Protein backbone atom coordinates (compact mmCIF):
# COMPACT_ATOMS: atom_id res chain seq x y z
CA MET A 1 0.00 0.00 0.00
CA VAL A 2 1.20 3.54 -0.67
CA ARG A 3 0.74 6.21 1.98
CA TYR A 4 1.85 9.81 1.43
CA GLY A 5 3.98 8.74 -1.53
CA ARG A 6 5.86 5.88 0.15
CA GLU A 7 5.28 2.14 0.22
CA VAL A 8 4.15 0.80 3.61
CA SER A 9 2.90 -2.58 4.73
CA ALA A 10 -0.18 -3.24 6.78
CA PHE A 11 -1.55 -6.19 8.72
CA VAL A 12 -4.88 -7.54 9.88
CA VAL A 13 -5.43 -9.56 13.05
CA ARG A 14 -8.47 -11.34 14.41
CA PHE A 15 -9.04 -10.71 18.10
CA GLN A 16 -12.09 -11.95 20.02
CA GLY A 17 -13.86 -12.71 16.74
CA GLN A 18 -13.34 -9.27 15.16
CA VAL A 19 -10.80 -8.16 12.56
CA TYR A 20 -8.59 -5.11 13.03
CA GLY A 21 -6.13 -3.61 10.55
CA TYR A 22 -3.13 -1.34 11.13
CA LEU A 23 -0.12 -0.01 9.30
CA ASN A 24 2.83 -2.23 10.15
CA GLU A 25 4.77 0.51 11.94
CA CYS A 26 5.58 0.98 15.59
CA ALA A 27 4.25 4.28 16.98
CA HIS A 28 7.74 5.14 18.27
CA VAL A 29 9.74 4.68 15.06
CA PRO A 30 8.67 3.40 11.63
CA ALA A 31 9.90 -0.16 12.28
CA GLU A 32 7.74 -3.16 11.43
CA LEU A 33 6.00 -4.75 14.41
CA ASP A 34 6.08 -8.45 13.54
CA TRP A 35 8.83 -10.35 15.35
CA LEU A 36 8.52 -13.19 12.82
CA PRO A 37 6.75 -12.80 9.46
CA GLY A 38 3.05 -12.48 10.26
CA GLU A 39 3.52 -12.81 14.06
CA PHE A 40 2.19 -9.75 15.90
CA PHE A 41 0.84 -11.04 19.23
CA ASP A 42 2.85 -11.44 22.43
CA ASP A 43 3.07 -14.83 24.15
CA SER A 44 -0.24 -14.27 25.97
CA LYS A 45 -2.04 -13.60 22.63
CA LEU A 46 -3.72 -10.60 24.31
CA TYR A 47 -1.52 -7.78 23.00
CA LEU A 48 0.26 -6.74 19.83
CA ILE A 49 3.97 -6.29 20.51
CA CYS A 50 6.72 -4.34 18.75
CA SER A 51 9.61 -6.57 17.70
CA ILE A 52 12.15 -3.79 18.35
CA HIS A 53 11.02 -2.04 21.55
CA GLY A 54 8.60 -4.48 23.15
CA ALA A 55 5.86 -1.82 23.23
CA LEU A 56 2.43 -3.37 23.80
CA TYR A 57 -0.69 -2.33 21.89
CA ALA A 58 -4.37 -3.16 22.39
CA PRO A 59 -5.42 -5.23 19.35
CA GLU A 60 -8.94 -3.77 19.28
CA THR A 61 -7.87 -0.09 19.33
CA GLY A 62 -4.16 0.05 18.47
CA ARG A 63 -3.61 2.16 21.59
CA CYS A 64 -0.18 1.86 23.21
CA LEU A 65 -0.46 0.25 26.63
CA GLY A 66 3.20 0.36 27.59
CA GLY A 67 6.64 0.94 26.17
CA ARG A 68 8.46 3.73 24.38
CA CYS A 69 5.45 4.84 22.33
CA SER A 70 4.36 7.18 25.15
CA GLY A 71 0.63 6.83 24.64
CA LYS A 72 0.73 7.00 20.85
CA GLY A 73 -1.04 4.31 18.91
CA LEU A 74 -0.94 2.30 15.75
CA LYS A 75 -2.42 3.86 12.61
CA PRO A 76 -5.63 2.04 11.67
CA VAL A 77 -6.32 0.73 8.19
CA MET A 78 -9.97 0.99 7.20
CA MET A 79 -11.27 -2.35 6.01
CA HIS A 80 -14.28 -4.62 6.28
CA GLU A 81 -14.99 -8.33 6.25
CA ILE A 82 -17.52 -10.09 4.03
CA ASP A 83 -17.93 -13.87 4.26
CA GLY A 84 -14.49 -14.29 5.81
CA GLN A 85 -12.68 -12.13 3.23
CA ILE A 86 -11.02 -8.85 4.19
CA PHE A 87 -11.35 -5.83 1.90
CA LEU A 88 -9.38 -2.59 2.14
CA GLU A 89 -11.58 0.50 2.05
CA GLN A 90 -10.63 3.55 0.03
CA ASP A 91 -9.01 6.30 2.08
CA ASP A 92 -7.75 9.65 0.82
CA ASN A 93 -4.49 9.08 2.74
CA TYR A 94 -3.65 6.06 0.58
CA GLY A 95 -2.85 5.96 -3.05
């Protein structure tokens, strides 16, 4: 996906039956969150965790719960699910 003229990746997770999408960037620095390809949750499977800083994020809001992000959060990606398929919604910030 392109955001503000640069290529960025995004990810979608399912948490408590709902899907949530975010840009794959830590709120502290633009480093990818996944500690292994496609692995975003901590060991408890309750929080998203930054592979670099260990910052924890709430999967349902993207809000930083602890770490160097100082209350900042993940940037949401607008999407919706139909019959188990995820679709990216148009957003003026992308493209």
